[in-house]
């Protein structure tokens, strides 16, 4: 079974997320809710009406991401059935599916629970989104190595590892910086 137009899904997400972030920022500045410098996305989406619009668009994006993750899962399953690749790929693929879905759930939580109102739920969602999202990237990189002669080149597999490494570094920098700032703010 083929679904026509599914190849436009990554492009749609590529447009949707920056549009959402930029639109929320512009609305927050015009409403006078943030200064026109570079605030955190969470700060720009704290007050209504921009928080409502932000939450809605991010929820749409989270659902579209879940669909994209499921499409990737099905693609790997199809290669497994057609080419009898390693059982390890199927195990990784199932783990990747669940990590990806819970990462999308975290994205939705981050969008709907503002940092200023429900801080710990917001942080939990951010950890789910970015932590499990990083793990998902590593799973996909490993799957790419198992499938490099069939579905992609070895260079694509290397590129995915590079992106996963960058994501991992940024995740840890953000987590450590966030913990440091949180501990400094609580002292005052």
N, C-alpha and C. Protein backbone atom coordinates (compact mmCIF):
# COMPACT_ATOMS: atom_id res chain seq x y z
N UNK A 1 0.84 -1.18 0.00
CA UNK A 1 0.00 0.00 0.00
C UNK A 1 0.89 1.24 0.00
N UNK A 2 0.64 2.14 -0.90
CA UNK A 2 1.40 3.39 -0.94
C UNK A 2 0.48 4.56 -0.63
N UNK A 3 1.06 5.52 0.00
CA UNK A 3 0.32 6.74 0.33
C UNK A 3 0.97 7.86 -0.46
N UNK A 4 0.24 8.44 -1.38
CA UNK A 4 0.84 9.50 -2.18
C UNK A 4 0.93 10.78 -1.37
N UNK A 5 2.00 11.48 -1.56
CA UNK A 5 2.19 12.76 -0.88
C UNK A 5 2.83 12.66 0.49
N UNK A 6 3.14 11.46 0.97
CA UNK A 6 3.73 11.32 2.30
C UNK A 6 5.12 11.95 2.36
N UNK A 7 5.76 12.06 1.20
CA UNK A 7 7.09 12.67 1.16
C UNK A 7 7.05 14.18 1.47
N UNK A 8 5.86 14.76 1.46
CA UNK A 8 5.75 16.18 1.81
C UNK A 8 5.69 16.41 3.33
N UNK A 9 5.51 15.35 4.10
CA UNK A 9 5.38 15.48 5.55
C UNK A 9 6.61 16.11 6.21
N UNK A 10 7.84 15.68 5.90
CA UNK A 10 8.99 16.37 6.50
C UNK A 10 9.07 17.84 6.10
N UNK A 11 8.72 18.15 4.87
CA UNK A 11 8.72 19.54 4.42
C UNK A 11 7.68 20.36 5.19
N UNK A 12 6.51 19.79 5.39
CA UNK A 12 5.47 20.47 6.16
C UNK A 12 5.94 20.77 7.58
N UNK A 13 6.59 19.81 8.21
CA UNK A 13 7.11 20.02 9.56
C UNK A 13 8.23 21.06 9.56
N UNK A 14 9.05 21.03 8.52
CA UNK A 14 10.14 21.99 8.38
C UNK A 14 9.60 23.42 8.29
N UNK A 15 8.44 23.58 7.73
CA UNK A 15 7.80 24.90 7.63
C UNK A 15 7.00 25.22 8.90
N UNK A 16 6.28 24.24 9.43
CA UNK A 16 5.38 24.46 10.56
C UNK A 16 6.11 24.93 11.82
N UNK A 17 7.18 24.27 12.21
CA UNK A 17 7.82 24.61 13.48
C UNK A 17 8.47 26.00 13.47
N UNK A 18 9.27 26.36 12.47
CA UNK A 18 9.79 27.73 12.47
C UNK A 18 8.68 28.79 12.38
N UNK A 19 7.65 28.51 11.59
CA UNK A 19 6.51 29.43 11.51
C UNK A 19 5.87 29.61 12.88
N UNK A 20 5.71 28.52 13.61
CA UNK A 20 5.11 28.58 14.95
C UNK A 20 5.99 29.38 15.90
N UNK A 21 7.29 29.11 15.91
CA UNK A 21 8.19 29.81 16.82
C UNK A 21 8.26 31.29 16.48
N UNK A 22 8.42 31.60 15.21
CA UNK A 22 8.52 32.99 14.79
C UNK A 22 7.21 33.73 15.00
N UNK A 23 6.09 33.09 14.66
CA UNK A 23 4.78 33.71 14.86
C UNK A 23 4.49 33.99 16.32
N UNK A 24 4.85 33.06 17.19
CA UNK A 24 4.65 33.25 18.63
C UNK A 24 5.51 34.39 19.13
N UNK A 25 6.75 34.44 18.69
CA UNK A 25 7.66 35.52 19.09
C UNK A 25 7.11 36.87 18.65
N UNK A 26 6.69 36.98 17.40
CA UNK A 26 6.17 38.26 16.89
C UNK A 26 4.92 38.66 17.65
N UNK A 27 4.02 37.72 17.90
CA UNK A 27 2.80 38.03 18.65
C UNK A 27 3.12 38.47 20.07
N UNK A 28 4.08 37.81 20.72
CA UNK A 28 4.46 38.17 22.09
C UNK A 28 5.08 39.56 22.15
N UNK A 29 5.88 39.90 21.14
CA UNK A 29 6.49 41.25 21.10
C UNK A 29 5.41 42.30 20.85
N UNK A 30 4.51 42.04 19.91
CA UNK A 30 3.45 43.00 19.60
C UNK A 30 2.49 43.20 20.77
N UNK A 31 2.28 42.13 21.55
CA UNK A 31 1.41 42.23 22.72
C UNK A 31 2.13 42.87 23.92
N UNK A 32 3.45 43.03 23.81
CA UNK A 32 4.23 43.59 24.91
C UNK A 32 4.54 42.59 26.01
N UNK A 33 4.44 41.29 25.69
CA UNK A 33 4.68 40.25 26.70
C UNK A 33 6.15 39.89 26.84
N UNK A 34 6.97 40.17 25.83
CA UNK A 34 8.41 39.96 25.89
C UNK A 34 9.12 41.13 25.23
N UNK A 35 10.37 41.29 25.60
CA UNK A 35 11.21 42.31 24.96
C UNK A 35 11.64 41.79 23.59
N UNK A 36 11.89 42.71 22.65
CA UNK A 36 12.24 42.25 21.29
C UNK A 36 13.70 41.79 21.15
N UNK A 37 14.24 41.12 22.17
CA UNK A 37 15.54 40.47 22.02
C UNK A 37 15.26 39.00 21.73
N UNK A 38 16.10 38.09 22.12
CA UNK A 38 15.88 36.68 21.84
C UNK A 38 15.47 35.94 23.11
N UNK A 39 14.18 35.94 23.44
CA UNK A 39 13.74 35.22 24.64
C UNK A 39 13.67 33.72 24.38
N UNK A 40 13.61 32.96 25.45
CA UNK A 40 13.33 31.53 25.30
C UNK A 40 11.98 31.37 24.63
N UNK A 41 11.83 30.28 23.89
CA UNK A 41 10.53 30.00 23.26
C UNK A 41 9.46 29.90 24.35
N UNK A 42 9.83 29.29 25.48
CA UNK A 42 8.88 29.14 26.59
C UNK A 42 8.41 30.49 27.11
N UNK A 43 9.30 31.49 27.12
CA UNK A 43 8.91 32.83 27.58
C UNK A 43 7.98 33.52 26.60
N UNK A 44 8.24 33.34 25.31
CA UNK A 44 7.40 33.97 24.28
C UNK A 44 6.01 33.34 24.24
N UNK A 45 5.88 32.11 24.71
CA UNK A 45 4.59 31.41 24.65
C UNK A 45 3.96 31.27 26.04
N UNK A 46 4.19 32.24 26.91
CA UNK A 46 3.68 32.14 28.28
C UNK A 46 2.28 32.70 28.42
N UNK A 47 2.00 33.81 27.77
CA UNK A 47 0.72 34.51 27.96
C UNK A 47 -0.22 34.31 26.78
N UNK A 48 -1.51 34.43 27.06
CA UNK A 48 -2.53 34.37 26.01
C UNK A 48 -2.51 35.68 25.24
N UNK A 49 -2.80 35.67 23.99
CA UNK A 49 -3.30 34.60 23.13
C UNK A 49 -2.19 33.77 22.49
N UNK A 50 -0.93 34.25 22.55
CA UNK A 50 0.12 33.53 21.84
C UNK A 50 0.36 32.13 22.41
N UNK A 51 0.14 31.93 23.70
CA UNK A 51 0.33 30.59 24.27
C UNK A 51 -0.69 29.60 23.70
N UNK A 52 -1.88 30.07 23.45
CA UNK A 52 -2.92 29.19 22.88
C UNK A 52 -2.58 28.80 21.46
N UNK A 53 -2.17 29.76 20.67
CA UNK A 53 -1.80 29.49 19.27
C UNK A 53 -0.57 28.59 19.23
N UNK A 54 0.41 28.90 20.07
CA UNK A 54 1.62 28.10 20.13
C UNK A 54 1.28 26.64 20.48
N UNK A 55 0.48 26.45 21.52
CA UNK A 55 0.10 25.10 21.93
C UNK A 55 -0.61 24.35 20.83
N UNK A 56 -1.51 25.01 20.14
CA UNK A 56 -2.26 24.35 19.07
C UNK A 56 -1.35 23.92 17.92
N UNK A 57 -0.49 24.83 17.48
CA UNK A 57 0.40 24.49 16.37
C UNK A 57 1.41 23.42 16.76
N UNK A 58 1.92 23.47 17.97
CA UNK A 58 2.86 22.44 18.41
C UNK A 58 2.15 21.10 18.54
N UNK A 59 0.91 21.09 19.01
CA UNK A 59 0.16 19.83 19.06
C UNK A 59 -0.02 19.24 17.67
N UNK A 60 -0.34 20.08 16.71
CA UNK A 60 -0.46 19.61 15.32
C UNK A 60 0.88 19.05 14.85
N UNK A 61 1.95 19.76 15.15
CA UNK A 61 3.28 19.29 14.79
C UNK A 61 3.64 17.98 15.47
N UNK A 62 3.26 17.82 16.74
CA UNK A 62 3.54 16.57 17.46
C UNK A 62 2.82 15.39 16.83
N UNK A 63 1.58 15.61 16.42
CA UNK A 63 0.83 14.54 15.74
C UNK A 63 1.49 14.20 14.40
N UNK A 64 1.87 15.22 13.65
CA UNK A 64 2.54 14.98 12.36
C UNK A 64 3.87 14.27 12.56
N UNK A 65 4.60 14.62 13.63
CA UNK A 65 5.85 13.93 13.93
C UNK A 65 5.59 12.46 14.27
N UNK A 66 4.53 12.19 15.02
CA UNK A 66 4.18 10.79 15.33
C UNK A 66 3.90 10.02 14.04
N UNK A 67 3.21 10.65 13.12
CA UNK A 67 2.94 9.99 11.83
C UNK A 67 4.24 9.72 11.09
N UNK A 68 5.14 10.69 11.10
CA UNK A 68 6.43 10.53 10.43
C UNK A 68 7.25 9.43 11.08
N UNK A 69 7.23 9.36 12.39
CA UNK A 69 7.95 8.30 13.11
C UNK A 69 7.36 6.94 12.77
N UNK A 70 6.04 6.87 12.68
CA UNK A 70 5.40 5.61 12.31
C UNK A 70 5.74 5.21 10.87
N UNK A 71 5.80 6.18 9.97
CA UNK A 71 6.17 5.90 8.58
C UNK A 71 7.59 5.33 8.53
N UNK A 72 8.50 5.91 9.30
CA UNK A 72 9.88 5.40 9.34
C UNK A 72 9.90 3.98 9.92
N UNK A 73 9.10 3.76 10.94
CA UNK A 73 8.99 2.42 11.53
C UNK A 73 8.53 1.41 10.47
N UNK A 74 7.51 1.77 9.73
CA UNK A 74 6.99 0.88 8.68
C UNK A 74 8.01 0.66 7.58
N UNK A 75 8.77 1.70 7.24
CA UNK A 75 9.80 1.57 6.21
C UNK A 75 10.84 0.54 6.63
N UNK A 76 11.29 0.61 7.87
CA UNK A 76 12.30 -0.34 8.35
C UNK A 76 11.71 -1.75 8.41
N UNK A 77 10.47 -1.87 8.84
CA UNK A 77 9.81 -3.19 8.85
C UNK A 77 9.75 -3.77 7.44
N UNK A 78 9.45 -2.94 6.47
CA UNK A 78 9.37 -3.40 5.07
C UNK A 78 10.73 -3.90 4.59
N UNK A 79 11.81 -3.18 4.91
CA UNK A 79 13.14 -3.64 4.53
C UNK A 79 13.48 -4.95 5.22
N UNK A 80 13.07 -5.09 6.47
CA UNK A 80 13.32 -6.33 7.20
C UNK A 80 12.63 -7.51 6.51
N UNK A 81 11.38 -7.33 6.12
CA UNK A 81 10.63 -8.40 5.47
C UNK A 81 11.19 -8.73 4.09
N UNK A 82 11.57 -7.72 3.34
CA UNK A 82 12.04 -7.95 1.97
C UNK A 82 13.46 -8.49 1.90
N UNK A 83 14.33 -8.06 2.80
CA UNK A 83 15.75 -8.38 2.66
C UNK A 83 16.32 -9.18 3.82
N UNK A 84 15.50 -9.60 4.76
CA UNK A 84 15.94 -10.43 5.89
C UNK A 84 17.17 -9.85 6.59
N UNK A 85 17.11 -8.58 6.92
CA UNK A 85 18.21 -7.96 7.66
C UNK A 85 18.15 -8.42 9.12
N UNK A 86 19.13 -8.07 9.87
CA UNK A 86 19.31 -8.55 11.25
C UNK A 86 18.07 -8.35 12.13
N UNK A 87 17.85 -9.34 13.01
CA UNK A 87 16.77 -9.21 14.00
C UNK A 87 17.00 -8.01 14.92
N UNK A 88 18.24 -7.65 15.07
CA UNK A 88 18.58 -6.49 15.91
C UNK A 88 17.89 -5.24 15.40
N UNK A 89 17.74 -5.13 14.10
CA UNK A 89 17.08 -3.96 13.51
C UNK A 89 15.62 -3.89 13.96
N UNK A 90 14.95 -5.01 14.00
CA UNK A 90 13.54 -5.01 14.42
C UNK A 90 13.42 -4.59 15.88
N UNK A 91 14.32 -5.08 16.72
CA UNK A 91 14.31 -4.67 18.14
C UNK A 91 14.58 -3.17 18.27
N UNK A 92 15.57 -2.70 17.55
CA UNK A 92 15.87 -1.26 17.58
C UNK A 92 14.70 -0.45 17.03
N UNK A 93 14.09 -0.95 15.98
CA UNK A 93 12.97 -0.25 15.35
C UNK A 93 11.79 -0.10 16.30
N UNK A 94 11.46 -1.17 17.03
CA UNK A 94 10.36 -1.10 18.00
C UNK A 94 10.69 -0.13 19.12
N UNK A 95 11.93 -0.20 19.62
CA UNK A 95 12.35 0.74 20.66
C UNK A 95 12.29 2.17 20.14
N UNK A 96 12.76 2.37 18.91
CA UNK A 96 12.73 3.70 18.31
C UNK A 96 11.32 4.24 18.16
N UNK A 97 10.38 3.37 17.79
CA UNK A 97 8.99 3.79 17.66
C UNK A 97 8.48 4.35 18.99
N UNK A 98 8.70 3.60 20.08
CA UNK A 98 8.20 4.05 21.39
C UNK A 98 8.94 5.30 21.89
N UNK A 99 10.25 5.35 21.67
CA UNK A 99 10.99 6.56 22.07
C UNK A 99 10.47 7.78 21.30
N UNK A 100 10.24 7.60 20.02
CA UNK A 100 9.74 8.70 19.19
C UNK A 100 8.36 9.16 19.61
N UNK A 101 7.47 8.22 19.90
CA UNK A 101 6.11 8.58 20.31
C UNK A 101 6.13 9.32 21.65
N UNK A 102 6.92 8.82 22.60
CA UNK A 102 6.99 9.51 23.90
C UNK A 102 7.70 10.85 23.81
N UNK A 103 8.62 10.97 22.86
CA UNK A 103 9.25 12.27 22.62
C UNK A 103 8.22 13.27 22.11
N UNK A 104 7.34 12.83 21.21
CA UNK A 104 6.27 13.69 20.71
C UNK A 104 5.29 14.06 21.82
N UNK A 105 5.01 13.11 22.71
CA UNK A 105 4.17 13.43 23.87
C UNK A 105 4.83 14.51 24.71
N UNK A 106 6.13 14.40 24.91
CA UNK A 106 6.86 15.43 25.65
C UNK A 106 6.77 16.80 24.97
N UNK A 107 6.83 16.81 23.66
CA UNK A 107 6.69 18.07 22.91
C UNK A 107 5.33 18.70 23.18
N UNK A 108 4.29 17.89 23.17
CA UNK A 108 2.95 18.38 23.45
C UNK A 108 2.83 18.90 24.89
N UNK A 109 3.45 18.20 25.83
CA UNK A 109 3.43 18.64 27.23
C UNK A 109 4.13 19.98 27.38
N UNK A 110 5.29 20.12 26.75
CA UNK A 110 6.03 21.39 26.82
C UNK A 110 5.18 22.54 26.29
N UNK A 111 4.46 22.30 25.22
CA UNK A 111 3.67 23.36 24.59
C UNK A 111 2.45 23.74 25.43
N UNK A 112 1.90 22.82 26.17
CA UNK A 112 0.63 23.06 26.85
C UNK A 112 0.75 23.39 28.33
N UNK A 113 1.92 23.19 28.90
CA UNK A 113 2.15 23.51 30.31
C UNK A 113 3.27 24.54 30.38
N UNK A 114 2.89 25.80 30.51
CA UNK A 114 3.85 26.88 30.50
C UNK A 114 4.79 26.78 31.70
N UNK A 115 6.02 27.18 31.47
CA UNK A 115 7.05 27.13 32.50
C UNK A 115 6.68 27.98 33.71
N UNK A 116 6.06 29.10 33.48
CA UNK A 116 5.71 29.99 34.59
C UNK A 116 4.53 29.49 35.40
N UNK A 117 3.69 28.63 34.83
CA UNK A 117 2.50 28.16 35.52
C UNK A 117 2.69 26.78 36.17
N UNK A 118 3.28 25.85 35.43
CA UNK A 118 3.46 24.48 35.92
C UNK A 118 4.90 24.07 35.57
N UNK A 119 5.85 24.61 36.30
CA UNK A 119 7.27 24.49 35.96
C UNK A 119 7.74 23.04 35.84
N UNK A 120 7.42 22.20 36.83
CA UNK A 120 7.97 20.85 36.83
C UNK A 120 7.35 19.97 35.74
N UNK A 121 6.11 20.19 35.42
CA UNK A 121 5.49 19.45 34.31
C UNK A 121 6.12 19.89 32.99
N UNK A 122 6.37 21.18 32.86
CA UNK A 122 7.03 21.73 31.68
C UNK A 122 8.42 21.10 31.52
N UNK A 123 9.19 21.05 32.60
CA UNK A 123 10.53 20.46 32.56
C UNK A 123 10.48 18.96 32.25
N UNK A 124 9.48 18.28 32.81
CA UNK A 124 9.32 16.86 32.52
C UNK A 124 9.05 16.65 31.03
N UNK A 125 8.18 17.48 30.47
CA UNK A 125 7.90 17.39 29.03
C UNK A 125 9.13 17.69 28.19
N UNK A 126 9.91 18.68 28.61
CA UNK A 126 11.13 19.02 27.88
C UNK A 126 12.13 17.87 27.93
N UNK A 127 12.24 17.23 29.08
CA UNK A 127 13.14 16.08 29.21
C UNK A 127 12.68 14.93 28.33
N UNK A 128 11.37 14.67 28.34
CA UNK A 128 10.83 13.63 27.45
C UNK A 128 11.13 13.97 25.99
N UNK A 129 10.80 15.20 25.61
CA UNK A 129 10.94 15.62 24.21
C UNK A 129 12.39 15.55 23.75
N UNK A 130 13.26 16.23 24.46
CA UNK A 130 14.64 16.34 23.98
C UNK A 130 15.50 15.14 24.37
N UNK A 131 15.26 14.57 25.54
CA UNK A 131 16.03 13.39 25.94
C UNK A 131 15.68 12.17 25.12
N UNK A 132 14.39 11.86 25.04
CA UNK A 132 13.98 10.69 24.25
C UNK A 132 14.15 10.95 22.76
N UNK A 133 14.00 12.22 22.35
CA UNK A 133 14.25 12.56 20.95
C UNK A 133 15.69 12.30 20.56
N UNK A 134 16.62 12.61 21.45
CA UNK A 134 18.03 12.33 21.20
C UNK A 134 18.27 10.83 21.11
N UNK A 135 17.67 10.07 22.02
CA UNK A 135 17.80 8.61 21.97
C UNK A 135 17.21 8.06 20.67
N UNK A 136 16.09 8.65 20.22
CA UNK A 136 15.49 8.24 18.94
C UNK A 136 16.47 8.46 17.79
N UNK A 137 17.17 9.60 17.80
CA UNK A 137 18.15 9.87 16.73
C UNK A 137 19.24 8.81 16.71
N UNK A 138 19.71 8.40 17.89
CA UNK A 138 20.74 7.36 17.96
C UNK A 138 20.22 6.03 17.42
N UNK A 139 18.98 5.70 17.76
CA UNK A 139 18.38 4.45 17.27
C UNK A 139 18.31 4.47 15.74
N UNK A 140 17.89 5.59 15.18
CA UNK A 140 17.80 5.69 13.72
C UNK A 140 19.17 5.62 13.07
N UNK A 141 20.18 6.18 13.72
CA UNK A 141 21.54 6.08 13.19
C UNK A 141 22.01 4.63 13.19
N UNK A 142 21.73 3.90 14.25
CA UNK A 142 22.12 2.48 14.31
C UNK A 142 21.38 1.68 13.24
N UNK A 143 20.09 1.96 13.07
CA UNK A 143 19.33 1.26 12.02
C UNK A 143 19.92 1.56 10.65
N UNK A 144 20.37 2.78 10.44
CA UNK A 144 20.97 3.15 9.16
C UNK A 144 22.22 2.33 8.87
N UNK A 145 23.01 2.05 9.91
CA UNK A 145 24.20 1.22 9.69
C UNK A 145 23.82 -0.21 9.31
N UNK A 146 22.77 -0.73 9.94
CA UNK A 146 22.34 -2.09 9.60
C UNK A 146 21.77 -2.17 8.18
N UNK A 147 21.24 -1.07 7.69
CA UNK A 147 20.56 -1.06 6.40
C UNK A 147 21.35 -0.32 5.32
N UNK A 148 22.62 -0.01 5.56
CA UNK A 148 23.34 0.89 4.67
C UNK A 148 23.51 0.40 3.24
N UNK A 149 23.52 -0.86 3.01
CA UNK A 149 23.67 -1.30 1.62
C UNK A 149 22.33 -1.38 0.88
N UNK A 150 21.23 -1.37 1.65
CA UNK A 150 19.91 -1.53 1.04
C UNK A 150 19.13 -0.23 0.93
N UNK A 151 19.07 0.52 2.02
CA UNK A 151 18.17 1.67 2.09
C UNK A 151 18.89 3.01 1.97
N UNK A 152 20.14 3.04 2.35
CA UNK A 152 20.88 4.30 2.34
C UNK A 152 22.37 3.99 2.20
N UNK A 153 23.13 5.02 1.94
CA UNK A 153 24.58 4.85 1.81
C UNK A 153 25.22 4.89 3.20
N UNK A 154 26.46 4.48 3.24
CA UNK A 154 27.22 4.54 4.50
C UNK A 154 27.41 5.99 4.92
N UNK A 155 27.51 6.89 3.94
CA UNK A 155 27.66 8.31 4.25
C UNK A 155 26.41 8.84 4.98
N UNK A 156 25.23 8.39 4.60
CA UNK A 156 24.00 8.79 5.29
C UNK A 156 24.02 8.31 6.73
N UNK A 157 24.49 7.08 6.93
CA UNK A 157 24.59 6.53 8.29
C UNK A 157 25.57 7.36 9.12
N UNK A 158 26.71 7.71 8.54
CA UNK A 158 27.68 8.56 9.24
C UNK A 158 27.08 9.93 9.56
N UNK A 159 26.36 10.48 8.60
CA UNK A 159 25.73 11.79 8.80
C UNK A 159 24.73 11.74 9.95
N UNK A 160 23.94 10.66 10.03
CA UNK A 160 22.97 10.53 11.12
C UNK A 160 23.67 10.42 12.47
N UNK A 161 24.79 9.73 12.51
CA UNK A 161 25.56 9.66 13.75
C UNK A 161 26.07 11.05 14.13
N UNK A 162 26.55 11.79 13.14
CA UNK A 162 27.01 13.16 13.40
C UNK A 162 25.90 14.03 13.97
N UNK A 163 24.71 13.94 13.38
CA UNK A 163 23.58 14.72 13.89
C UNK A 163 23.19 14.28 15.30
N UNK A 164 23.23 12.97 15.55
CA UNK A 164 22.91 12.46 16.89
C UNK A 164 23.93 12.95 17.90
N UNK A 165 25.20 13.02 17.50
CA UNK A 165 26.24 13.52 18.41
C UNK A 165 26.01 15.00 18.73
N UNK A 166 25.72 15.79 17.73
CA UNK A 166 25.45 17.21 17.94
C UNK A 166 24.24 17.38 18.87
N UNK A 167 23.19 16.62 18.61
CA UNK A 167 21.98 16.68 19.44
C UNK A 167 22.30 16.29 20.88
N UNK A 168 23.11 15.27 21.07
CA UNK A 168 23.49 14.82 22.41
C UNK A 168 24.26 15.91 23.15
N UNK A 169 25.23 16.52 22.47
CA UNK A 169 26.01 17.58 23.09
C UNK A 169 25.10 18.74 23.49
N UNK A 170 24.23 19.17 22.59
CA UNK A 170 23.33 20.28 22.90
C UNK A 170 22.35 19.93 24.02
N UNK A 171 21.88 18.69 24.05
CA UNK A 171 20.97 18.27 25.12
C UNK A 171 21.67 18.37 26.47
N UNK A 172 22.89 17.87 26.56
CA UNK A 172 23.59 17.92 27.84
C UNK A 172 23.98 19.34 28.23
N UNK A 173 24.37 20.15 27.27
CA UNK A 173 24.67 21.56 27.58
C UNK A 173 23.43 22.25 28.12
N UNK A 174 22.30 22.05 27.46
CA UNK A 174 21.05 22.69 27.90
C UNK A 174 20.63 22.17 29.26
N UNK A 175 20.76 20.86 29.49
CA UNK A 175 20.36 20.29 30.78
C UNK A 175 21.23 20.80 31.91
N UNK A 176 22.54 20.81 31.71
CA UNK A 176 23.45 21.28 32.75
C UNK A 176 23.25 22.78 33.00
N UNK A 177 23.14 23.55 31.93
CA UNK A 177 22.92 24.99 32.09
C UNK A 177 21.59 25.27 32.79
N UNK A 178 20.55 24.52 32.42
CA UNK A 178 19.24 24.69 33.06
C UNK A 178 19.28 24.36 34.54
N UNK A 179 19.96 23.27 34.89
CA UNK A 179 20.09 22.92 36.31
C UNK A 179 20.89 23.95 37.07
N UNK A 180 21.96 24.45 36.45
CA UNK A 180 22.79 25.47 37.09
C UNK A 180 22.00 26.75 37.32
N UNK A 181 21.28 27.21 36.33
CA UNK A 181 20.47 28.43 36.46
C UNK A 181 19.37 28.24 37.49
N UNK A 182 18.71 27.09 37.46
CA UNK A 182 17.65 26.83 38.44
C UNK A 182 18.18 26.85 39.86
N UNK A 183 19.35 26.29 40.08
CA UNK A 183 19.92 26.28 41.43
C UNK A 183 20.36 27.69 41.84
N UNK A 184 20.84 28.49 40.90
CA UNK A 184 21.26 29.87 41.22
C UNK A 184 20.03 30.74 41.53
N UNK A 185 18.95 30.55 40.80
CA UNK A 185 17.75 31.37 41.01
C UNK A 185 17.14 31.04 42.37
N UNK A 186 17.17 29.78 42.77
CA UNK A 186 16.54 29.41 44.05
C UNK A 186 17.30 29.94 45.25
N UNK A 187 18.56 30.36 45.06
CA UNK A 187 19.34 30.91 46.16
C UNK A 187 18.91 32.34 46.48
N UNK A 188 18.32 33.03 45.54
CA UNK A 188 17.99 34.45 45.76
C UNK A 188 16.66 34.61 46.44
